[in-house]
Amino acid sequence: MRKTDINEAAAAVRDFFRAKGFNEVATPIIAPAPIPEPTIEAFRAGNGFLRTSPEPQMKTLLANGAERIFQIGSCFRKNEKGRLHREEFTMLEWYEKDAEYLNLVPFARALLVFVAENTIGTTEISVAGTIVDLDSDWTVMTVAEAFAEFAAIDIETAVAEDRFEDVLVEEIEPALPRETPVILKDYPAKSAALAKIADGVPPTAERWELYIGGVELANTYTELTDFDEHKRRFARFAAERAELGMTDYPEDRVFMDALCSGLPDCAGCALGMDRLVMLLNGDDRII
């Protein structure tokens, strides 16, 4: 099996998206402020911050009439270290108007099959000694189903005791099937970030993550569009960051004005290009 690199993979991604009618965009690397998520810390750059994601700028484009857009570019996050993390990494992010999170599952599958065929010449990859066929039927399970099958405690207890992320990383992710790509969907509402909350008992976030050979590769939402709920979540994020002693970010007025003007119904996905190349090459770490 031949190997690929980030440039060849990016070229294949661009070919795929253009054939699907998406427009490529390029937004600034220095942003007024990142989204204040309490799990991510940004680098300061002049009077702003190096972007942790192009999400605010791309959603601003959606609020101003864009419908199907994608971007490949560098993002930056402090304290990201280890075999699967870098403080500077390459992100593919795309958004589609009038889509919801489950629409993006077959789309992501078609994308990965196309990229694999046009880079390494096969859809079969080796991850830690296990052969995974990207063109096979993907495994789809809810987070609640994964907890019931793989965790020592149920999901309600994990959320109530603020142990959800720990159990997910320590018990669920290592136990996920390795022979096929896995979609883990319908996260607890508390883990919604900026995803839409679906009606239900209990309510869940319209969110999925893609795992290949146990490696998290992509994160997808039906995007939150309600302006008032955005403000409430940002206030909660800011309070959590303050408790953790993290940077107090200013408000991104351009982004907030765009949200106020009306973000259309849409779904978005962020996919790590460095991890994708790692998986395609059968490597065990980002090079």
Protein backbone atom coordinates (compact mmCIF):
# COMPACT_ATOMS: atom_id res chain seq x y z
CA MET A 1 0.00 0.00 0.00
CA ARG A 2 1.39 3.37 -0.93
CA LYS A 3 1.52 6.31 1.45
CA THR A 4 0.05 9.79 1.15
CA ASP A 5 0.66 13.22 2.64
CA ILE A 6 -1.38 16.20 3.78
CA ASN A 7 -1.14 17.99 0.43
CA GLU A 8 -2.36 15.03 -1.62
CA ALA A 9 -5.16 14.32 0.86
CA ALA A 10 -6.22 17.98 0.82
CA ALA A 11 -6.29 17.94 -2.99
CA ALA A 12 -8.60 14.92 -2.94
CA VAL A 13 -10.84 16.60 -0.35
CA ARG A 14 -11.10 19.68 -2.57
CA ASP A 15 -12.00 17.58 -5.61
CA PHE A 16 -14.75 15.83 -3.63
CA PHE A 17 -16.32 19.00 -2.25
CA ARG A 18 -16.20 20.87 -5.55
CA ALA A 19 -17.93 17.95 -7.27
CA LYS A 20 -20.65 18.17 -4.60
CA GLY A 21 -21.25 21.87 -5.30
CA PHE A 22 -19.48 23.30 -2.25
CA ASN A 23 -17.55 26.56 -2.32
CA GLU A 24 -14.13 26.70 -0.69
CA VAL A 25 -13.61 29.64 1.66
CA ALA A 26 -10.60 31.07 3.49
CA THR A 27 -11.24 32.95 6.73
CA PRO A 28 -8.73 34.85 8.91
CA ILE A 29 -6.35 32.89 11.11
CA ILE A 30 -6.35 35.69 13.71
CA ALA A 31 -9.81 36.07 15.24
CA PRO A 32 -11.21 38.68 17.67
CA ALA A 33 -12.06 35.89 20.10
CA PRO A 34 -12.57 32.12 20.05
CA ILE A 35 -15.77 30.41 21.10
CA PRO A 36 -15.29 30.23 24.90
CA GLU A 37 -15.39 26.45 25.26
CA PRO A 38 -13.96 25.41 28.64
CA THR A 39 -11.99 22.50 27.14
CA ILE A 40 -9.97 24.60 24.67
CA GLU A 41 -7.42 27.36 25.30
CA ALA A 42 -6.32 29.74 22.53
CA PHE A 43 -3.01 31.45 21.81
CA ARG A 44 -2.98 35.25 21.91
CA ALA A 45 -1.90 36.95 18.68
CA GLY A 46 -1.61 40.74 18.66
CA ASN A 47 -5.02 42.18 19.54
CA GLY A 48 -6.75 38.88 18.90
CA PHE A 49 -6.24 35.12 19.08
CA LEU A 50 -5.05 32.41 16.74
CA ARG A 51 -8.18 30.59 15.72
CA THR A 52 -8.99 27.33 17.47
CA SER A 53 -11.51 26.64 14.70
CA PRO A 54 -12.90 28.59 11.73
CA GLU A 55 -16.42 28.00 13.10
CA PRO A 56 -17.38 31.60 14.02
CA GLN A 57 -16.25 33.02 10.69
CA MET A 58 -17.86 30.26 8.64
CA LYS A 59 -21.15 30.63 10.50
CA THR A 60 -20.96 34.37 9.85
CA LEU A 61 -20.78 33.53 6.14
CA LEU A 62 -23.83 31.26 6.49
CA ALA A 63 -25.76 34.06 8.21
CA ASN A 64 -24.89 36.27 5.23
CA GLY A 65 -26.20 33.91 2.58
CA ALA A 66 -23.63 31.13 2.05
CA GLU A 67 -25.18 27.69 1.71
CA ARG A 68 -22.53 24.98 1.17
CA ILE A 69 -19.00 25.88 2.22
CA PHE A 70 -15.80 24.12 3.26
CA GLN A 71 -12.36 25.13 4.45
CA ILE A 72 -9.01 23.42 5.03
CA GLY A 73 -6.57 25.32 7.21
CA SER A 74 -4.36 25.59 10.25
CA CYS A 75 -5.87 25.85 13.71
CA PHE A 76 -4.13 26.34 17.04
CA ARG A 77 -4.85 25.13 20.57
CA LYS A 78 -2.69 25.39 23.66
CA ASN A 79 -1.51 22.35 25.59
CA GLU A 80 -2.46 19.83 22.89
CA LYS A 81 0.23 17.17 23.18
CA GLY A 82 0.53 13.44 22.59
CA ARG A 83 0.51 11.04 19.66
CA LEU A 84 -2.87 12.32 18.39
CA HIS A 85 -2.54 16.02 19.23
CA ARG A 86 -0.53 19.03 18.11
CA GLU A 87 -0.78 22.67 19.14
CA GLU A 88 -0.92 23.53 15.43
CA PHE A 89 -2.97 21.18 13.28
CA THR A 90 -4.91 21.12 10.02
CA MET A 91 -8.70 21.15 10.15
CA LEU A 92 -11.27 20.41 7.49
CA GLU A 93 -14.57 22.06 8.36
CA TRP A 94 -17.73 22.16 6.29
CA TYR A 95 -21.30 23.43 6.65
CA GLU A 96 -24.46 22.74 4.70
CA LYS A 97 -27.63 24.81 4.87
CA ASP A 98 -30.91 22.93 5.48
CA ALA A 99 -29.07 19.79 6.60
CA GLU A 100 -29.09 18.04 9.95
CA TYR A 101 -26.48 15.92 11.66
CA LEU A 102 -27.53 12.50 10.37
CA ASN A 103 -27.49 13.77 6.76
CA LEU A 104 -23.73 14.14 7.14
CA VAL A 105 -23.10 10.45 7.98
CA PRO A 106 -23.40 9.11 4.39
CA PHE A 107 -21.69 12.28 3.15
CA ALA A 108 -18.69 11.71 5.47
CA ARG A 109 -18.56 8.05 4.42
CA ALA A 110 -18.49 9.01 0.73
CA LEU A 111 -15.79 11.61 1.45
CA LEU A 112 -13.47 9.15 3.20
CA VAL A 113 -13.97 6.48 0.53
CA PHE A 114 -13.16 9.02 -2.20
CA VAL A 115 -10.07 10.36 -0.44
CA ALA A 116 -8.73 6.86 0.29
CA GLU A 117 -9.25 5.66 -3.28
CA ASN A 118 -7.60 8.77 -4.70
CA THR A 119 -4.59 8.78 -2.38
CA ILE A 120 -3.56 5.31 -1.23
CA GLY A 121 -5.56 3.44 -3.91
CA THR A 122 -7.64 1.33 -1.53
CA THR A 123 -10.37 1.77 1.08
CA GLU A 124 -8.76 -0.80 3.38
CA ILE A 125 -6.48 0.67 6.02
CA SER A 126 -4.54 -0.89 8.89
CA VAL A 127 -5.08 0.58 12.35
CA ALA A 128 -3.01 -0.99 15.14
CA GLY A 129 -2.96 -4.27 13.25
CA THR A 130 -6.68 -4.33 12.45
CA ILE A 131 -7.88 -3.96 8.86
CA VAL A 132 -10.68 -1.40 8.56
CA ASP A 133 -12.60 -1.06 5.30
CA LEU A 134 -13.87 2.52 4.96
CA ASP A 135 -16.30 1.28 2.30
CA SER A 136 -17.95 -1.24 4.64
CA ASP A 137 -21.18 -0.68 6.55
CA TRP A 138 -20.36 1.73 9.36
CA THR A 139 -21.41 0.89 12.91
CA VAL A 140 -23.87 3.44 14.33
CA MET A 141 -24.76 3.50 18.03
CA THR A 142 -26.07 6.05 20.48
CA VAL A 143 -23.93 7.16 23.38
CA ALA A 144 -26.52 5.64 25.74
CA GLU A 145 -26.19 2.27 23.96
CA ALA A 146 -22.40 2.46 24.22
CA PHE A 147 -22.60 3.16 27.96
CA ALA A 148 -25.00 0.25 28.46
CA GLU A 149 -22.67 -2.11 26.58
CA PHE A 150 -19.21 -0.97 27.60
CA ALA A 151 -19.30 1.14 30.81
CA ALA A 152 -19.45 0.11 34.44
CA ILE A 153 -22.04 2.83 35.20
CA ASP A 154 -25.07 4.07 33.29
CA ILE A 155 -25.02 7.31 31.36
CA GLU A 156 -27.42 9.12 33.72
CA THR A 157 -25.13 8.44 36.68
CA ALA A 158 -22.05 9.48 34.74
CA VAL A 159 -23.63 12.80 33.77
CA ALA A 160 -25.02 13.45 37.27
CA GLU A 161 -21.63 12.78 38.86
CA ASP A 162 -19.79 14.87 36.23
CA ARG A 163 -17.89 11.77 35.09
CA PHE A 164 -19.22 11.54 31.54
CA GLU A 165 -16.03 12.58 29.73
CA ASP A 166 -13.81 10.41 31.93
CA VAL A 167 -15.92 7.31 31.36
CA LEU A 168 -16.17 8.06 27.65
CA VAL A 169 -12.39 8.26 27.28
CA GLU A 170 -11.39 5.51 29.71
CA GLU A 171 -14.11 2.88 29.15
CA ILE A 172 -16.14 3.59 26.00
CA GLU A 173 -13.55 4.65 23.40
CA PRO A 174 -11.16 1.71 24.01
CA ALA A 175 -14.07 -0.75 23.72
CA LEU A 176 -15.61 0.52 20.49
CA PRO A 177 -15.61 -1.89 17.52
CA ARG A 178 -12.37 -1.71 15.55
CA GLU A 179 -13.27 -3.59 12.36
CA THR A 180 -15.54 -0.83 11.00
CA PRO A 181 -15.76 2.95 11.37
CA VAL A 182 -18.05 3.85 14.27
CA ILE A 183 -20.54 6.71 14.54
CA LEU A 184 -21.29 7.53 18.18
CA LYS A 185 -24.38 9.75 18.24
CA ASP A 186 -26.87 11.57 20.49
CA TYR A 187 -24.71 12.97 23.27
CA PRO A 188 -26.11 14.16 26.62
CA ALA A 189 -27.53 17.69 26.43
CA LYS A 190 -24.78 18.85 28.79
CA SER A 191 -22.21 17.89 26.12
CA ALA A 192 -23.97 19.77 23.34
CA ALA A 193 -21.41 22.60 22.98
CA LEU A 194 -23.13 24.47 20.11
CA ALA A 195 -25.31 21.59 18.90
CA LYS A 196 -29.09 21.68 18.74
CA ILE A 197 -30.92 19.84 21.52
CA ALA A 198 -33.45 17.27 20.35
CA ASP A 199 -36.74 16.70 22.12
CA GLY A 200 -36.77 13.53 24.16
CA VAL A 201 -36.51 12.06 27.64
CA PRO A 202 -33.79 12.72 28.47
CA PRO A 203 -33.03 15.40 25.85
CA THR A 204 -29.93 14.72 23.75
CA ALA A 205 -27.63 16.78 21.56
CA GLU A 206 -27.89 16.28 17.81
CA ARG A 207 -24.21 15.42 17.61
CA TRP A 208 -22.09 12.55 16.38
CA GLU A 209 -18.43 11.70 16.47
CA LEU A 210 -16.62 9.38 14.08
CA TYR A 211 -14.08 6.84 15.35
CA ILE A 212 -11.81 4.75 13.17
CA GLY A 213 -9.80 2.09 14.94
CA GLY A 214 -10.58 3.84 18.21
CA VAL A 215 -9.26 7.19 16.93
CA GLU A 216 -11.69 10.11 17.06
CA LEU A 217 -11.62 11.69 13.60
CA ALA A 218 -14.63 13.99 13.18
CA ASN A 219 -17.26 15.85 15.22
CA THR A 220 -20.63 16.86 13.74
CA TYR A 221 -23.63 18.92 14.92
CA THR A 222 -27.00 20.00 13.83
CA GLU A 223 -26.01 23.56 14.58
CA LEU A 224 -27.68 25.64 17.27
CA THR A 225 -29.46 28.58 15.61
CA ASP A 226 -31.31 30.20 18.53
CA PHE A 227 -29.58 33.48 19.43
CA ASP A 228 -30.77 33.64 23.05
CA GLU A 229 -29.62 30.07 23.66
CA HIS A 230 -26.21 30.97 22.20
CA LYS A 231 -25.94 33.78 24.74
CA ARG A 232 -26.90 31.46 27.60
CA ARG A 233 -24.36 28.85 26.58
CA PHE A 234 -21.58 31.40 26.10
CA ALA A 235 -22.31 32.78 29.59
CA ARG A 236 -22.12 29.27 31.03
CA PHE A 237 -18.88 28.55 29.18
CA ALA A 238 -17.36 31.80 30.45
CA ALA A 239 -18.31 30.96 34.03
CA GLU A 240 -16.76 27.50 33.72
CA ARG A 241 -13.59 29.00 32.25
CA ALA A 242 -13.37 31.48 35.13
CA GLU A 243 -13.64 28.64 37.66
CA LEU A 244 -10.78 26.85 35.90
CA GLY A 245 -8.61 30.00 35.81
CA MET A 246 -8.62 30.11 32.01
CA THR A 247 -8.36 33.17 29.76
CA ASP A 248 -11.33 35.55 29.84
CA TYR A 249 -12.16 36.09 26.16
CA PRO A 250 -13.77 39.28 24.85
CA GLU A 251 -17.00 39.04 22.89
CA ASP A 252 -16.75 38.53 19.15
CA ARG A 253 -19.21 41.23 18.09
CA VAL A 254 -19.16 40.32 14.40
CA PHE A 255 -20.07 36.72 15.18
CA MET A 256 -22.75 37.71 17.70
CA ASP A 257 -24.27 40.20 15.25
CA ALA A 258 -24.38 37.45 12.63
CA LEU A 259 -26.14 35.10 15.04
CA CYS A 260 -28.59 37.84 15.96
CA SER A 261 -29.37 38.47 12.28
CA GLY A 262 -30.28 34.80 11.91
CA LEU A 263 -28.23 31.65 11.39
CA PRO A 264 -30.10 29.35 8.97
CA ASP A 265 -30.83 25.73 9.79
CA CYS A 266 -27.61 23.87 9.01
CA ALA A 267 -25.25 21.09 9.98
CA GLY A 268 -21.49 21.27 10.28
CA CYS A 269 -18.58 18.88 10.65
CA ALA A 270 -14.96 19.33 11.75
CA LEU A 271 -12.46 16.64 10.70
CA GLY A 272 -8.80 16.38 11.64
CA MET A 273 -6.73 16.19 8.46
CA ASP A 274 -3.52 15.18 10.27
CA ARG A 275 -5.31 12.24 11.88
CA LEU A 276 -6.85 11.27 8.54
CA VAL A 277 -3.43 11.11 6.88
CA MET A 278 -2.09 9.15 9.87
CA LEU A 279 -4.89 6.59 9.50
CA LEU A 280 -4.53 6.31 5.73
CA ASN A 281 -0.80 5.63 6.14
CA GLY A 282 -1.23 3.05 8.90
CA ASP A 283 0.81 5.14 11.32
CA ASP A 284 0.21 5.20 15.07
CA ARG A 285 0.91 8.90 15.65
CA ILE A 286 0.71 12.25 13.91
CA ILE A 287 4.05 12.88 12.22
